C-alpha cells in the first residue's frame, strides 16, 4: 500500500508541475537582450500572443521584434521572366518530363532553378520564382503582455513518466483487488500490469500535444 501511495504522489507531482520556461527582462542584462533571445528562438514557429487587454492571437511562421514592435513574418512568391544566351549555359539538368523546368549550371558556375522554359534562336527564356520575406506589424511591445510557443518533443519526457506512473498505480490496484495480493498467478499479474505500456503510450501522445511552453513576458 505504501508503494501505491508513493506512485500516486509521484504521478500528481509530475502532472501538476508546469512544463514551461518563463523569461522576463530580469533574466537578461537588458530588454534588448530579451528581444534578441526571442528573435533567435521563434523562427518559423507558431506563436501565441497575449495583449495587456487580455485579447490574444496566433501568429504562424514566426515573428520578430524590431524597434520595440512585434512583427509577424510571412512570405510571398515573386515570379519574373529572364533570358539568357545558350552559349552562357554549361549544363542543363531537366527536372520535368515536359522539359519546361531545369537546373541550369552557367559557365561562371552560377546555378539557376528555371521554369516555363522556352528555347528559340539560341536563347532560353525562363521564369525564376523567389520567396520574398514580408513583415506585418502586430503591435508595439508596450501593448503586449507575453508571447509563447511550444516545443512538442520536449513535452514528451515528463508526460511519459506521468503516464507510466499512472499505469503502475492502476495495475497495482487491479492486481491487489483481483488477486488478493497473491503473486502465485503469473497470468493475472501480467494481465494486471498491461496498464503500464498503455499509460506510457498515452503519456507520449499527451506530452506531444501539451508540449513544453516557452513564454516571454514583456509586461508581466
Protein backbone atom coordinates (compact mmCIF):
# COMPACT_ATOMS: atom_id res chain seq x y z
CA UNK A 1 0.00 0.00 0.00
CA UNK A 2 2.90 2.32 0.75
CA UNK A 3 4.20 1.81 -2.79
CA UNK A 4 0.83 2.73 -4.28
CA UNK A 5 0.70 5.94 -2.24
CA UNK A 6 4.23 6.77 -3.37
CA UNK A 7 3.33 6.38 -7.05
CA UNK A 8 0.15 8.40 -6.62
CA UNK A 9 2.15 11.27 -5.12
CA UNK A 10 4.80 10.99 -7.85
CA UNK A 11 2.18 10.98 -10.59
CA UNK A 12 0.35 14.06 -9.39
CA UNK A 13 3.64 15.84 -8.75
CA UNK A 14 4.64 15.32 -12.38
CA UNK A 15 1.19 16.20 -13.66
CA UNK A 16 0.82 19.49 -11.86
CA UNK A 17 4.37 20.74 -12.37
CA UNK A 18 4.14 23.21 -15.23
CA UNK A 19 6.16 22.12 -18.24
CA UNK A 20 7.32 25.58 -19.17
CA UNK A 21 10.08 28.17 -19.05
CA UNK A 22 9.24 31.82 -18.45
CA UNK A 23 11.57 34.65 -19.40
CA UNK A 24 11.35 38.27 -18.30
CA UNK A 25 13.68 41.26 -18.52
CA UNK A 26 15.08 40.25 -15.12
CA UNK A 27 16.60 37.13 -16.73
CA UNK A 28 18.70 39.23 -19.12
CA UNK A 29 21.09 42.13 -18.87
CA UNK A 30 18.69 44.38 -20.78
CA UNK A 31 15.36 44.44 -22.59
CA UNK A 32 17.26 44.39 -25.88
CA UNK A 33 18.84 41.04 -24.88
CA UNK A 34 15.40 39.65 -24.08
CA UNK A 35 14.16 40.68 -27.53
CA UNK A 36 17.28 39.24 -29.18
CA UNK A 37 16.76 35.89 -27.45
CA UNK A 38 13.11 35.93 -28.53
CA UNK A 39 14.06 36.61 -32.15
CA UNK A 40 16.58 33.77 -32.14
CA UNK A 41 14.07 31.31 -30.66
CA UNK A 42 10.82 31.84 -32.56
CA UNK A 43 11.97 31.46 -36.16
CA UNK A 44 9.34 29.61 -38.23
CA UNK A 45 7.33 28.73 -35.09
CA UNK A 46 3.65 29.18 -34.25
CA UNK A 47 3.39 31.86 -31.57
CA UNK A 48 0.55 32.80 -29.26
CA UNK A 49 0.48 36.49 -28.36
CA UNK A 50 -1.43 37.85 -25.35
CA UNK A 51 -2.11 41.56 -25.12
CA UNK A 52 -2.42 43.65 -21.96
CA UNK A 53 -6.18 43.95 -22.61
CA UNK A 54 -6.40 40.11 -22.32
CA UNK A 55 -7.12 39.56 -26.02
CA UNK A 56 -4.88 37.18 -27.96
CA UNK A 57 -3.94 35.98 -31.42
CA UNK A 58 -1.82 33.26 -33.02
CA UNK A 59 1.00 34.01 -35.45
CA UNK A 60 2.19 31.30 -37.82
CA UNK A 61 5.63 31.10 -39.49
CA UNK A 62 7.45 33.06 -36.80
CA UNK A 63 7.82 36.66 -35.67
CA UNK A 64 10.47 39.26 -34.99
CA UNK A 65 10.87 42.26 -32.69
CA UNK A 66 12.37 45.39 -34.16
CA UNK A 67 12.38 48.90 -32.66
CA UNK A 68 10.14 47.77 -29.75
CA UNK A 69 7.47 46.49 -32.16
CA UNK A 70 6.40 42.92 -32.86
CA UNK A 71 6.07 41.89 -36.49
CA UNK A 72 4.67 38.68 -37.92
CA UNK A 73 6.69 37.02 -40.66
CA UNK A 74 5.18 35.90 -43.93
CA UNK A 75 6.29 35.12 -47.45
CA UNK A 76 5.09 35.81 -50.96
CA UNK A 77 6.26 34.26 -54.19
CA UNK A 78 7.83 36.63 -56.69
CA UNK A 79 7.94 35.31 -60.27
CA UNK A 80 9.85 37.03 -63.01
CA UNK A 81 10.94 36.13 -66.56
CA UNK A 82 14.52 36.30 -67.80
CA UNK A 83 16.50 35.46 -70.91
CA UNK A 84 19.96 34.03 -71.41
CA UNK A 85 22.05 33.01 -74.43
CA UNK A 86 22.55 29.26 -74.73
CA UNK A 87 26.27 29.92 -75.13
CA UNK A 88 26.36 31.07 -71.49
CA UNK A 89 24.93 27.77 -70.20
CA UNK A 90 27.34 24.99 -69.29
CA UNK A 91 24.82 22.29 -68.43
CA UNK A 92 21.04 21.83 -68.39
CA UNK A 93 19.54 19.26 -65.99
CA UNK A 94 15.86 18.95 -66.79
CA UNK A 95 13.65 18.19 -63.78
CA UNK A 96 10.37 17.57 -65.60
CA UNK A 97 9.29 15.19 -68.33
CA UNK A 98 7.87 18.13 -70.31
CA UNK A 99 11.30 19.83 -70.43
CA UNK A 100 9.77 23.01 -69.03
CA UNK A 101 11.82 23.08 -65.81
CA UNK A 102 15.52 22.54 -65.19
CA UNK A 103 18.52 23.29 -63.04
CA UNK A 104 20.90 25.44 -65.09
CA UNK A 105 24.64 25.50 -64.48
CA UNK A 106 26.18 28.54 -66.09
CA UNK A 107 29.73 28.82 -67.34
CA UNK A 108 30.50 31.24 -64.49
CA UNK A 109 29.36 28.41 -62.11
CA UNK A 110 26.17 30.19 -61.07
CA UNK A 111 23.12 27.94 -60.70
CA UNK A 112 19.53 28.78 -61.64
CA UNK A 113 16.29 26.90 -60.97
CA UNK A 114 14.38 27.66 -64.16
CA UNK A 115 10.73 27.12 -65.01
CA UNK A 116 8.47 27.77 -68.00
CA UNK A 117 11.45 27.14 -70.31
CA UNK A 118 11.20 28.16 -73.94
CA UNK A 119 14.17 27.94 -76.32
CA UNK A 120 14.29 29.83 -79.58
CA UNK A 121 17.00 31.48 -81.69
CA UNK A 122 19.86 30.25 -79.46
CA UNK A 123 18.21 31.95 -76.48
CA UNK A 124 16.46 30.49 -73.48
CA UNK A 125 13.55 32.31 -71.88
CA UNK A 126 12.64 31.07 -68.42
CA UNK A 127 10.94 32.07 -65.17
CA UNK A 128 12.55 32.33 -61.75
CA UNK A 129 10.43 32.18 -58.59
CA UNK A 130 11.78 33.56 -55.34
CA UNK A 131 10.32 33.56 -51.84
CA UNK A 132 10.13 37.16 -50.60
CA UNK A 133 10.11 37.82 -46.86
CA UNK A 134 7.25 40.02 -45.64
CA UNK A 135 6.80 41.59 -42.22
CA UNK A 136 3.46 42.80 -40.90
CA UNK A 137 3.21 44.94 -37.78
CA UNK A 138 1.32 43.25 -34.94
CA UNK A 139 1.64 45.73 -32.07
CA UNK A 140 4.14 47.81 -30.05
CA UNK A 141 5.71 45.88 -27.16
CA UNK A 142 4.05 48.12 -24.59
CA UNK A 143 0.71 46.67 -25.75
CA UNK A 144 1.87 43.04 -25.44
CA UNK A 145 1.75 41.11 -22.19
CA UNK A 146 3.54 37.96 -23.37
CA UNK A 147 4.34 35.75 -26.35
CA UNK A 148 4.75 31.98 -26.15
CA UNK A 149 5.44 28.94 -28.30
CA UNK A 150 5.55 25.17 -27.78
CA UNK A 151 8.31 22.63 -28.27
CA UNK A 152 6.27 19.45 -28.70
CA UNK A 153 9.14 16.97 -28.37
CA UNK A 154 10.25 18.38 -25.01
CA UNK A 155 6.75 17.80 -23.63
CA UNK A 156 7.07 14.04 -24.04
CA UNK A 157 9.51 13.01 -21.22
CA UNK A 158 7.50 14.43 -18.31
CA UNK A 159 4.18 13.08 -19.52
CA UNK A 160 5.78 9.72 -20.41
CA UNK A 161 6.88 9.36 -16.78
CA UNK A 162 3.48 10.50 -15.54
CA UNK A 163 1.65 8.06 -17.81
CA UNK A 164 3.96 5.21 -16.82
CA UNK A 165 3.50 6.04 -13.14
CA UNK A 166 -0.27 6.08 -13.50
CA UNK A 167 -0.10 2.74 -15.36
CA UNK A 168 1.82 1.23 -12.44
CA UNK A 169 -0.69 2.60 -9.94
CA UNK A 170 -3.71 1.33 -11.83
CA UNK A 171 -2.04 -2.03 -12.47
CA UNK A 172 -1.19 -2.44 -8.79
CA UNK A 173 -4.75 -1.59 -7.74
CA UNK A 174 -6.22 -4.07 -10.24
CA UNK A 175 -3.77 -6.79 -9.18
CA UNK A 176 -4.49 -6.36 -5.48
CA UNK A 177 -8.25 -6.20 -5.94
CA UNK A 178 -8.43 -9.28 -8.23
CA UNK A 179 -5.75 -11.49 -6.72
CA UNK A 180 -5.91 -10.50 -3.06
CA UNK A 181 -2.21 -9.67 -3.14
CA UNK A 182 -1.08 -13.20 -4.02
CA UNK A 183 1.73 -13.32 -6.63
CA UNK A 184 1.11 -17.01 -7.49
CA UNK A 185 -1.00 -16.37 -10.60
CA UNK A 186 1.51 -15.21 -13.23
CA UNK A 187 -1.17 -14.66 -15.87
CA UNK A 188 -3.16 -12.41 -13.54
CA UNK A 189 0.00 -10.48 -12.70
CA UNK A 190 0.84 -9.89 -16.38
CA UNK A 191 -2.76 -9.01 -17.27
CA UNK A 192 -3.00 -6.52 -14.42
CA UNK A 193 0.13 -4.63 -15.41
CA UNK A 194 -0.68 -4.23 -19.11
CA UNK A 195 -1.80 -0.82 -17.89
CA UNK A 196 1.87 0.22 -17.76
CA UNK A 197 2.64 0.27 -21.53
CA UNK A 198 -0.81 1.71 -22.17
CA UNK A 199 -0.14 4.52 -19.68
CA UNK A 200 3.27 5.16 -21.27
CA UNK A 201 1.73 5.37 -24.74
CA UNK A 202 -0.97 7.79 -23.58
CA UNK A 203 1.71 9.86 -21.82
CA UNK A 204 3.74 10.15 -25.04
CA UNK A 205 0.71 11.26 -27.06
CA UNK A 206 -0.43 13.74 -24.44
CA UNK A 207 3.11 15.06 -23.98
CA UNK A 208 3.37 15.79 -27.71
CA UNK A 209 0.03 17.60 -27.67
CA UNK A 210 0.70 19.56 -24.49
CA UNK A 211 4.32 20.33 -25.38
CA UNK A 212 6.87 22.34 -23.44
CA UNK A 213 5.95 26.02 -23.30
CA UNK A 214 8.43 28.87 -23.68
CA UNK A 215 6.95 32.19 -22.60
CA UNK A 216 8.47 35.65 -23.00
CA UNK A 217 6.82 38.21 -20.73
CA UNK A 218 7.22 41.80 -21.85
CA UNK A 219 4.71 43.40 -19.48
CA UNK A 220 4.08 40.90 -16.65
